[in-house]
Each structure stands twice: as structure tokens, then as C-alpha cells.
Amino acid sequence: MSDLIKTIKSVVWPRRCMFCDGETFENTLFTCDRCRDSLPYVNGKICSKCGRARSECTCSSTTLYYDKAAAPFYFEGGVKKCIHALKFKGKTQFAEPLSEYMLRTFREQYGDEAFDFITCVPLHPEDLKLRGYNQSRLLAEYISQKTEIPFNDGILNKIYRTEKQSGTSPIERFGNVLGAFEVTKGIDLSGMSILLIDDIETTGSTLSECGKMLFLAGADKVCCLSAAVTKLKKKGRS
């Protein structure tokens, strides 16, 4: 009977694909068959530092204050639309299925790592009040639940509001977030291994600044996991 009810519900109220808004029926990842086969997955030989395919890596000349980064997708097409909807349009229901894709990458890239806890890139209190939620926290909470790695949201704080990162150069992005984060006073992270969650990795500036603060508080290892990573233009590439 329960299967019959599910079938009826799927016909009367079909789920919508979070990438193209097409019907998905019983697909629990909110992904239609067409999108599932054509999403911009990060594939091939991957740079362990920035999480991009090695052919897309731009991090060799940049100092990044974390040990490793990974993401299931490139930030383009339907993935870009989906993350924008989660981030700016209140589509918080997308956080769980997005985290499932992140979990696949987590198991592939961090399966042998033993993390003490998971944390996320914080929002400034005023931005959190305006948006009503932190999309990175939603992703981190789901990943914590599925991996049973404790989630700790009281570690990092954003102490001043920053300009929007979109449309700025890599150098401007690093300068924009310089000193924007701190670890809660009195917290000792000596010897700890931390998984840091964010929605999008662009230049790595935000993750790097957060990682720097975690290392200054004593962390032994900081690894990053995002829902998507951007493809950056290389010199000489049109």
C-alpha cells in the first residue's frame, strides 16, 4: 500500500529537478535523468590542492592555507542555477540532495581521513539575519549527519562584512577577506583535523583565510569540501 501511495504522489505531485526544474518523480536526489548524465562533474586526474581537474588547475603559484580541497561539480550551467537558488532564493530543500553529491566526493577524496569535526564558512551576523540561514551550514549539517563526524558551528566567526566577491580579480578576492574571520577566543584546536565546508570555491581565498585562522589556533590539518568549484581562466587562454 505504501508503494502505491508513493506512486500516486509521484504522478500528482512530481518532484522537480533542482538543476533544470524538470520532473524527477521518485528520484531522491532531485535530479532528472537528463541532468544526471550531463552535469559538469569534476572528473579525471584531480589537483588535490584546489579540487579541479589538473588541466584546470591554477593554484600552483598561490599560497593556500589548507591541505586539500574537493568538490563534485564545476560552478556552471544547472549547478550554478541550483546553488544560486539555494543561496539567494530560499530553496533550502536543495541542501540535502546537494550534500549527497558532496558525500560521494568526500568518500572518494577523504575516505581514509579521520576528522575530529566538521565546521563551515560563517556568515557575518547581519548577513545571516538578512538571509535567514547559512547555506554552507545546511550542507555541513547534512554531511555531519551522514558521516557521523561531529558538527561544530561555534569555531569560526566572520567579524566584518565584506564586499561581494563576484566580479573581482583573484588578488582583490584575497584582499577582500583578509582578516575577516577569527576563531572563537579561548578555543584550542591543537593537533585536530578539520573538514571545512562551503558552497562554492572560486579562488580559494575564503577557504584559505578560514584555514589560516584554524591553523593559528593549533589545527594540524584543514581539508575543504564545497558543492562546486569555478573554472578559472589561465593566462593565454581566451
C-alpha atoms as a PDB file:
ATOM      1  CA  MET A   1       0.000   0.000   0.000  1.00  0.00           C
ATOM      2  CA  SER A   2       2.798   2.418   0.860  1.00  0.00           C
ATOM      3  CA  ASP A   3       4.371   1.841  -2.580  1.00  0.00           C
ATOM      4  CA  LEU A   4       1.021   2.579  -4.239  1.00  0.00           C
ATOM      5  CA  ILE A   5       0.678   5.820  -2.261  1.00  0.00           C
ATOM      6  CA  LYS A   6       4.185   6.859  -3.274  1.00  0.00           C
ATOM      7  CA  THR A   7       3.377   6.131  -6.926  1.00  0.00           C
ATOM      8  CA  ILE A   8       0.186   8.196  -6.785  1.00  0.00           C
ATOM      9  CA  LYS A   9       2.015  11.091  -5.108  1.00  0.00           C
ATOM     10  CA  SER A  10       4.779  10.993  -7.724  1.00  0.00           C
ATOM     11  CA  VAL A  11       2.173  11.341 -10.509  1.00  0.00           C
ATOM     12  CA  VAL A  12       0.036  14.022  -8.843  1.00  0.00           C
ATOM     13  CA  TRP A  13       2.913  15.975  -7.251  1.00  0.00           C
ATOM     14  CA  PRO A  14       6.073  15.077  -9.199  1.00  0.00           C
ATOM     15  CA  ARG A  15       9.359  16.312  -7.789  1.00  0.00           C
ATOM     16  CA  ARG A  16      11.165  18.953  -9.787  1.00  0.00           C
ATOM     17  CA  CYS A  17      14.797  18.691 -10.825  1.00  0.00           C
ATOM     18  CA  MET A  18      16.869  21.192  -8.846  1.00  0.00           C
ATOM     19  CA  PHE A  19      19.082  21.772 -11.893  1.00  0.00           C
ATOM     20  CA  CYS A  20      16.532  22.303 -14.702  1.00  0.00           C
ATOM     21  CA  ASP A  21      13.104  22.203 -12.969  1.00  0.00           C
ATOM     22  CA  GLY A  22      12.048  19.171 -14.993  1.00  0.00           C
ATOM     23  CA  GLU A  23      10.048  16.310 -13.449  1.00  0.00           C
ATOM     24  CA  THR A  24      12.047  13.762 -11.472  1.00  0.00           C
ATOM     25  CA  PHE A  25       9.270  11.578  -9.987  1.00  0.00           C
ATOM     26  CA  GLU A  26      10.875   9.224  -7.428  1.00  0.00           C
ATOM     27  CA  ASN A  27      14.457  10.419  -7.874  1.00  0.00           C
ATOM     28  CA  THR A  28      15.548  11.256  -4.319  1.00  0.00           C
ATOM     29  CA  LEU A  29      18.416  13.473  -5.472  1.00  0.00           C
ATOM     30  CA  PHE A  30      16.055  15.964  -7.137  1.00  0.00           C
ATOM     31  CA  THR A  31      17.867  15.257 -10.398  1.00  0.00           C
ATOM     32  CA  CYS A  32      16.218  14.300 -13.676  1.00  0.00           C
ATOM     33  CA  ASP A  33      17.784  11.619 -15.866  1.00  0.00           C
ATOM     34  CA  ARG A  34      18.961  14.148 -18.453  1.00  0.00           C
ATOM     35  CA  CYS A  35      20.776  16.318 -15.914  1.00  0.00           C
ATOM     36  CA  ARG A  36      22.241  13.357 -14.068  1.00  0.00           C
ATOM     37  CA  ASP A  37      24.087  12.340 -17.239  1.00  0.00           C
ATOM     38  CA  SER A  38      25.162  15.851 -18.278  1.00  0.00           C
ATOM     39  CA  LEU A  39      26.083  17.689 -15.063  1.00  0.00           C
ATOM     40  CA  PRO A  40      29.539  19.375 -15.014  1.00  0.00           C
ATOM     41  CA  TYR A  41      31.211  16.809 -12.772  1.00  0.00           C
ATOM     42  CA  VAL A  42      34.840  17.257 -11.731  1.00  0.00           C
ATOM     43  CA  ASN A  43      36.438  14.251 -13.396  1.00  0.00           C
ATOM     44  CA  GLY A  44      39.824  12.899 -14.431  1.00  0.00           C
ATOM     45  CA  LYS A  45      43.102  13.475 -12.629  1.00  0.00           C
ATOM     46  CA  ILE A  46      42.334  15.992  -9.899  1.00  0.00           C
ATOM     47  CA  CYS A  47      44.631  18.501  -8.207  1.00  0.00           C
ATOM     48  CA  SER A  48      44.426  17.643  -4.527  1.00  0.00           C
ATOM     49  CA  LYS A  49      45.089  21.260  -3.548  1.00  0.00           C
ATOM     50  CA  CYS A  50      42.349  23.131  -5.419  1.00  0.00           C
ATOM     51  CA  GLY A  51      39.973  20.279  -6.279  1.00  0.00           C
ATOM     52  CA  ARG A  52      39.884  20.990 -10.026  1.00  0.00           C
ATOM     53  CA  ALA A  53      40.952  18.663 -12.792  1.00  0.00           C
ATOM     54  CA  ARG A  54      44.695  19.108 -13.300  1.00  0.00           C
ATOM     55  CA  SER A  55      44.003  20.589 -16.732  1.00  0.00           C
ATOM     56  CA  GLU A  56      42.025  23.352 -14.971  1.00  0.00           C
ATOM     57  CA  CYS A  57      44.378  23.870 -12.014  1.00  0.00           C
ATOM     58  CA  THR A  58      45.536  27.436 -11.363  1.00  0.00           C
ATOM     59  CA  CYS A  59      46.811  27.101  -7.806  1.00  0.00           C
ATOM     60  CA  SER A  60      50.481  26.235  -8.331  1.00  0.00           C
ATOM     61  CA  SER A  61      51.656  29.810  -7.746  1.00  0.00           C
ATOM     62  CA  THR A  62      49.192  30.635  -4.966  1.00  0.00           C
ATOM     63  CA  THR A  63      49.692  30.088  -1.234  1.00  0.00           C
ATOM     64  CA  LEU A  64      46.560  28.459   0.149  1.00  0.00           C
ATOM     65  CA  TYR A  65      46.173  27.844   3.868  1.00  0.00           C
ATOM     66  CA  TYR A  66      44.535  24.439   3.725  1.00  0.00           C
ATOM     67  CA  ASP A  67      45.778  20.962   2.905  1.00  0.00           C
ATOM     68  CA  LYS A  68      43.302  19.785   0.330  1.00  0.00           C
ATOM     69  CA  ALA A  69      40.078  20.792  -1.433  1.00  0.00           C
ATOM     70  CA  ALA A  70      37.429  18.824  -3.304  1.00  0.00           C
ATOM     71  CA  ALA A  71      34.047  19.364  -4.967  1.00  0.00           C
ATOM     72  CA  PRO A  72      31.698  17.219  -7.047  1.00  0.00           C
ATOM     73  CA  PHE A  73      30.857  19.888  -9.649  1.00  0.00           C
ATOM     74  CA  TYR A  74      32.112  22.843 -11.605  1.00  0.00           C
ATOM     75  CA  PHE A  75      30.118  26.005 -10.963  1.00  0.00           C
ATOM     76  CA  GLU A  76      28.352  26.332 -14.289  1.00  0.00           C
ATOM     77  CA  GLY A  77      25.072  25.575 -16.045  1.00  0.00           C
ATOM     78  CA  GLY A  78      22.378  23.918 -13.948  1.00  0.00           C
ATOM     79  CA  VAL A  79      24.720  23.607 -10.957  1.00  0.00           C
ATOM     80  CA  LYS A  80      25.211  27.382 -10.885  1.00  0.00           C
ATOM     81  CA  LYS A  81      21.450  27.892 -11.111  1.00  0.00           C
ATOM     82  CA  CYS A  82      20.848  25.384  -8.306  1.00  0.00           C
ATOM     83  CA  ILE A  83      23.381  26.895  -5.900  1.00  0.00           C
ATOM     84  CA  HIS A  84      22.099  30.419  -6.592  1.00  0.00           C
ATOM     85  CA  ALA A  85      18.586  29.198  -5.773  1.00  0.00           C
ATOM     86  CA  LEU A  86      19.816  27.660  -2.513  1.00  0.00           C
ATOM     87  CA  LYS A  87      21.853  30.721  -1.615  1.00  0.00           C
ATOM     88  CA  PHE A  88      19.637  33.605  -2.663  1.00  0.00           C
ATOM     89  CA  LYS A  89      16.109  32.305  -3.310  1.00  0.00           C
ATOM     90  CA  GLY A  90      15.361  30.347  -0.149  1.00  0.00           C
ATOM     91  CA  LYS A  91      15.472  26.916  -1.822  1.00  0.00           C
ATOM     92  CA  THR A  92      16.835  25.274   1.322  1.00  0.00           C
ATOM     93  CA  GLN A  93      15.360  21.928   0.214  1.00  0.00           C
ATOM     94  CA  PHE A  94      18.260  21.715  -2.257  1.00  0.00           C
ATOM     95  CA  ALA A  95      20.833  21.483   0.542  1.00  0.00           C
ATOM     96  CA  GLU A  96      20.242  17.818   1.323  1.00  0.00           C
ATOM     97  CA  PRO A  97      20.457  16.450  -2.251  1.00  0.00           C
ATOM     98  CA  LEU A  98      23.472  18.684  -2.961  1.00  0.00           C
ATOM     99  CA  SER A  99      25.126  17.276   0.155  1.00  0.00           C
ATOM    100  CA  GLU A 100      24.593  13.759  -1.220  1.00  0.00           C
ATOM    101  CA  TYR A 101      26.717  14.629  -4.239  1.00  0.00           C
ATOM    102  CA  MET A 102      29.288  16.151  -1.876  1.00  0.00           C
ATOM    103  CA  LEU A 103      29.269  12.942   0.167  1.00  0.00           C
ATOM    104  CA  ARG A 104      30.218  10.919  -2.898  1.00  0.00           C
ATOM    105  CA  THR A 105      33.220  13.188  -3.400  1.00  0.00           C
ATOM    106  CA  PHE A 106      34.001  13.060   0.323  1.00  0.00           C
ATOM    107  CA  ARG A 107      34.192   9.278   0.245  1.00  0.00           C
ATOM    108  CA  GLU A 108      36.363   9.300  -2.885  1.00  0.00           C
ATOM    109  CA  GLN A 109      38.788  12.015  -1.740  1.00  0.00           C
ATOM    110  CA  TYR A 110      38.701  11.753   2.064  1.00  0.00           C
ATOM    111  CA  GLY A 111      37.748   8.154   2.704  1.00  0.00           C
ATOM    112  CA  ASP A 112      40.943   7.462   4.647  1.00  0.00           C
ATOM    113  CA  GLU A 113      40.932  10.714   6.659  1.00  0.00           C
ATOM    114  CA  ALA A 114      39.926  10.795  10.332  1.00  0.00           C
ATOM    115  CA  PHE A 115      38.381  14.200  11.060  1.00  0.00           C
ATOM    116  CA  ASP A 116      37.781  15.444  14.586  1.00  0.00           C
ATOM    117  CA  PHE A 117      34.873  17.628  13.490  1.00  0.00           C
ATOM    118  CA  ILE A 118      33.167  19.433  10.619  1.00  0.00           C
ATOM    119  CA  THR A 119      32.686  23.185  10.510  1.00  0.00           C
ATOM    120  CA  CYS A 120      31.591  25.667   7.851  1.00  0.00           C
ATOM    121  CA  VAL A 121      32.408  29.091   6.475  1.00  0.00           C
ATOM    122  CA  PRO A 122      30.337  31.504   8.600  1.00  0.00           C
ATOM    123  CA  LEU A 123      28.248  34.498   7.551  1.00  0.00           C
ATOM    124  CA  HIS A 124      28.507  37.863   9.221  1.00  0.00           C
ATOM    125  CA  PRO A 125      25.620  38.191  11.759  1.00  0.00           C
ATOM    126  CA  GLU A 126      23.979  40.968   9.721  1.00  0.00           C
ATOM    127  CA  ASP A 127      24.077  38.881   6.532  1.00  0.00           C
ATOM    128  CA  LEU A 128      22.739  35.865   8.423  1.00  0.00           C
ATOM    129  CA  LYS A 129      19.859  37.966   9.716  1.00  0.00           C
ATOM    130  CA  LEU A 130      19.041  39.222   6.211  1.00  0.00           C
ATOM    131  CA  ARG A 131      19.194  35.775   4.569  1.00  0.00           C
ATOM    132  CA  GLY A 132      17.745  33.830   7.476  1.00  0.00           C
ATOM    133  CA  TYR A 133      20.110  30.879   7.093  1.00  0.00           C
ATOM    134  CA  ASN A 134      23.675  29.971   6.176  1.00  0.00           C
ATOM    135  CA  GLN A 135      23.634  27.683   3.149  1.00  0.00           C
ATOM    136  CA  SER A 136      27.100  26.340   3.989  1.00  0.00           C
ATOM    137  CA  ARG A 137      25.891  25.381   7.446  1.00  0.00           C
ATOM    138  CA  LEU A 138      22.932  23.479   5.952  1.00  0.00           C
ATOM    139  CA  LEU A 139      25.322  21.490   3.755  1.00  0.00           C
ATOM    140  CA  ALA A 140      27.674  20.860   6.683  1.00  0.00           C
ATOM    141  CA  GLU A 141      24.877  19.658   8.963  1.00  0.00           C
ATOM    142  CA  TYR A 142      23.688  17.066   6.439  1.00  0.00           C
ATOM    143  CA  ILE A 143      27.230  15.826   5.822  1.00  0.00           C
ATOM    144  CA  SER A 144      27.789  15.562   9.571  1.00  0.00           C
ATOM    145  CA  GLN A 145      24.615  13.514   9.962  1.00  0.00           C
ATOM    146  CA  LYS A 146      25.561  11.092   7.193  1.00  0.00           C
ATOM    147  CA  THR A 147      29.219  10.669   8.196  1.00  0.00           C
ATOM    148  CA  GLU A 148      28.637  10.854  11.982  1.00  0.00           C
ATOM    149  CA  ILE A 149      31.534  13.317  12.217  1.00  0.00           C
ATOM    150  CA  PRO A 150      30.544  15.939  14.839  1.00  0.00           C
ATOM    151  CA  PHE A 151      29.474  19.347  13.524  1.00  0.00           C
ATOM    152  CA  ASN A 152      30.840  22.371  15.380  1.00  0.00           C
ATOM    153  CA  ASP A 153      29.372  25.722  14.382  1.00  0.00           C
ATOM    154  CA  GLY A 154      30.973  27.749  17.156  1.00  0.00           C
ATOM    155  CA  ILE A 155      34.549  27.693  15.906  1.00  0.00           C
ATOM    156  CA  LEU A 156      34.768  30.314  13.158  1.00  0.00           C
ATOM    157  CA  ASN A 157      33.229  33.787  13.201  1.00  0.00           C
ATOM    158  CA  LYS A 158      33.025  36.415  10.485  1.00  0.00           C
ATOM    159  CA  ILE A 159      33.903  39.643  12.247  1.00  0.00           C
ATOM    160  CA  TYR A 160      33.253  42.161   9.498  1.00  0.00           C
ATOM    161  CA  ARG A 161      31.144  42.302   6.357  1.00  0.00           C
ATOM    162  CA  THR A 162      32.975  42.007   3.057  1.00  0.00           C
ATOM    163  CA  GLU A 163      32.223  43.222  -0.436  1.00  0.00           C
ATOM    164  CA  LYS A 164      30.650  40.735  -2.814  1.00  0.00           C
ATOM    165  CA  GLN A 165      33.349  38.552  -4.331  1.00  0.00           C
ATOM    166  CA  SER A 166      31.715  38.216  -7.763  1.00  0.00           C
ATOM    167  CA  GLY A 167      33.276  40.365 -10.446  1.00  0.00           C
ATOM    168  CA  THR A 168      36.556  40.888  -8.568  1.00  0.00           C
ATOM    169  CA  SER A 169      40.034  39.723  -9.531  1.00  0.00           C
ATOM    170  CA  PRO A 170      41.804  36.913  -7.625  1.00  0.00           C
ATOM    171  CA  ILE A 171      44.064  39.423  -5.873  1.00  0.00           C
ATOM    172  CA  GLU A 172      41.052  41.541  -4.876  1.00  0.00           C
ATOM    173  CA  ARG A 173      39.294  38.455  -3.539  1.00  0.00           C
ATOM    174  CA  PHE A 174      42.194  37.593  -1.241  1.00  0.00           C
ATOM    175  CA  GLY A 175      42.418  41.210  -0.049  1.00  0.00           C
ATOM    176  CA  ASN A 176      38.664  41.408   0.458  1.00  0.00           C
ATOM    177  CA  VAL A 177      38.590  38.607   3.043  1.00  0.00           C
ATOM    178  CA  LEU A 178      41.905  39.367   4.733  1.00  0.00           C
ATOM    179  CA  GLY A 179      41.247  39.483   8.480  1.00  0.00           C
ATOM    180  CA  ALA A 180      37.513  38.912   8.027  1.00  0.00           C
ATOM    181  CA  PHE A 181      37.420  35.723  10.134  1.00  0.00           C
ATOM    182  CA  GLU A 182      38.524  34.664  13.583  1.00  0.00           C
ATOM    183  CA  VAL A 183      38.416  31.576  15.771  1.00  0.00           C
ATOM    184  CA  THR A 184      36.312  31.994  18.905  1.00  0.00           C
ATOM    185  CA  LYS A 185      38.539  33.188  21.725  1.00  0.00           C
ATOM    186  CA  GLY A 186      39.723  30.506  24.140  1.00  0.00           C
ATOM    187  CA  ILE A 187      39.344  27.603  21.689  1.00  0.00           C
ATOM    188  CA  ASP A 188      42.389  25.367  21.332  1.00  0.00           C
ATOM    189  CA  LEU A 189      42.478  23.255  18.179  1.00  0.00           C
ATOM    190  CA  SER A 190      45.899  21.720  18.849  1.00  0.00           C
ATOM    191  CA  GLY A 191      46.505  18.582  16.789  1.00  0.00           C
ATOM    192  CA  MET A 192      42.987  18.497  15.331  1.00  0.00           C
ATOM    193  CA  SER A 193      41.968  17.538  11.797  1.00  0.00           C
ATOM    194  CA  ILE A 194      39.084  19.624  10.475  1.00  0.00           C
ATOM    195  CA  LEU A 195      36.747  19.367   7.479  1.00  0.00           C
ATOM    196  CA  LEU A 196      35.693  22.860   6.332  1.00  0.00           C
ATOM    197  CA  ILE A 197      32.502  23.159   4.252  1.00  0.00           C
ATOM    198  CA  ASP A 198      31.484  25.917   1.827  1.00  0.00           C
ATOM    199  CA  ASP A 199      29.052  26.194  -1.065  1.00  0.00           C
ATOM    200  CA  ILE A 200      31.403  27.498  -3.778  1.00  0.00           C
ATOM    201  CA  GLU A 201      35.168  27.579  -4.142  1.00  0.00           C
ATOM    202  CA  THR A 202      36.320  30.274  -6.572  1.00  0.00           C
ATOM    203  CA  THR A 203      39.924  31.338  -5.979  1.00  0.00           C
ATOM    204  CA  GLY A 204      40.095  29.592  -2.601  1.00  0.00           C
ATOM    205  CA  SER A 205      40.509  32.959  -0.853  1.00  0.00           C
ATOM    206  CA  THR A 206      37.680  32.495   1.654  1.00  0.00           C
ATOM    207  CA  LEU A 207      38.603  28.901   2.451  1.00  0.00           C
ATOM    208  CA  SER A 208      42.259  29.899   2.762  1.00  0.00           C
ATOM    209  CA  GLU A 209      41.536  32.741   5.170  1.00  0.00           C
ATOM    210  CA  CYS A 210      39.374  30.457   7.320  1.00  0.00           C
ATOM    211  CA  GLY A 211      42.045  27.755   7.156  1.00  0.00           C
ATOM    212  CA  LYS A 212      44.699  30.233   8.240  1.00  0.00           C
ATOM    213  CA  MET A 213      42.708  31.067  11.374  1.00  0.00           C
ATOM    214  CA  LEU A 214      42.203  27.385  12.155  1.00  0.00           C
ATOM    215  CA  PHE A 215      45.936  26.704  11.805  1.00  0.00           C
ATOM    216  CA  LEU A 216      46.768  29.692  14.011  1.00  0.00           C
ATOM    217  CA  ALA A 217      44.505  28.146  16.662  1.00  0.00           C
ATOM    218  CA  GLY A 218      46.555  24.952  16.518  1.00  0.00           C
ATOM    219  CA  ALA A 219      44.831  22.773  13.910  1.00  0.00           C
ATOM    220  CA  ASP A 220      47.061  20.095  12.430  1.00  0.00           C
ATOM    221  CA  LYS A 221      45.110  19.607   9.190  1.00  0.00           C
ATOM    222  CA  VAL A 222      42.368  21.521   7.349  1.00  0.00           C
ATOM    223  CA  CYS A 223      40.631  19.928   4.368  1.00  0.00           C
ATOM    224  CA  CYS A 224      37.868  21.602   2.368  1.00  0.00           C
ATOM    225  CA  LEU A 225      34.731  20.317   0.670  1.00  0.00           C
ATOM    226  CA  SER A 226      32.476  22.500  -1.482  1.00  0.00           C
ATOM    227  CA  ALA A 227      29.407  21.844  -3.612  1.00  0.00           C
ATOM    228  CA  ALA A 228      31.113  23.369  -6.651  1.00  0.00           C
ATOM    229  CA  VAL A 229      34.377  24.896  -7.818  1.00  0.00           C
ATOM    230  CA  THR A 230      34.734  27.503 -10.552  1.00  0.00           C
ATOM    231  CA  LYS A 231      36.845  27.115 -13.647  1.00  0.00           C
ATOM    232  CA  LEU A 232      39.366  29.950 -13.681  1.00  0.00           C
ATOM    233  CA  LYS A 233      40.853  31.438 -16.821  1.00  0.00           C
ATOM    234  CA  LYS A 234      44.524  30.695 -17.261  1.00  0.00           C
ATOM    235  CA  LYS A 235      46.946  33.134 -18.808  1.00  0.00           C
ATOM    236  CA  GLY A 236      46.963  32.705 -22.543  1.00  0.00           C
ATOM    237  CA  ARG A 237      43.523  31.074 -22.557  1.00  0.00           C
ATOM    238  CA  SER A 238      40.745  33.016 -24.270  1.00  0.00           C
END
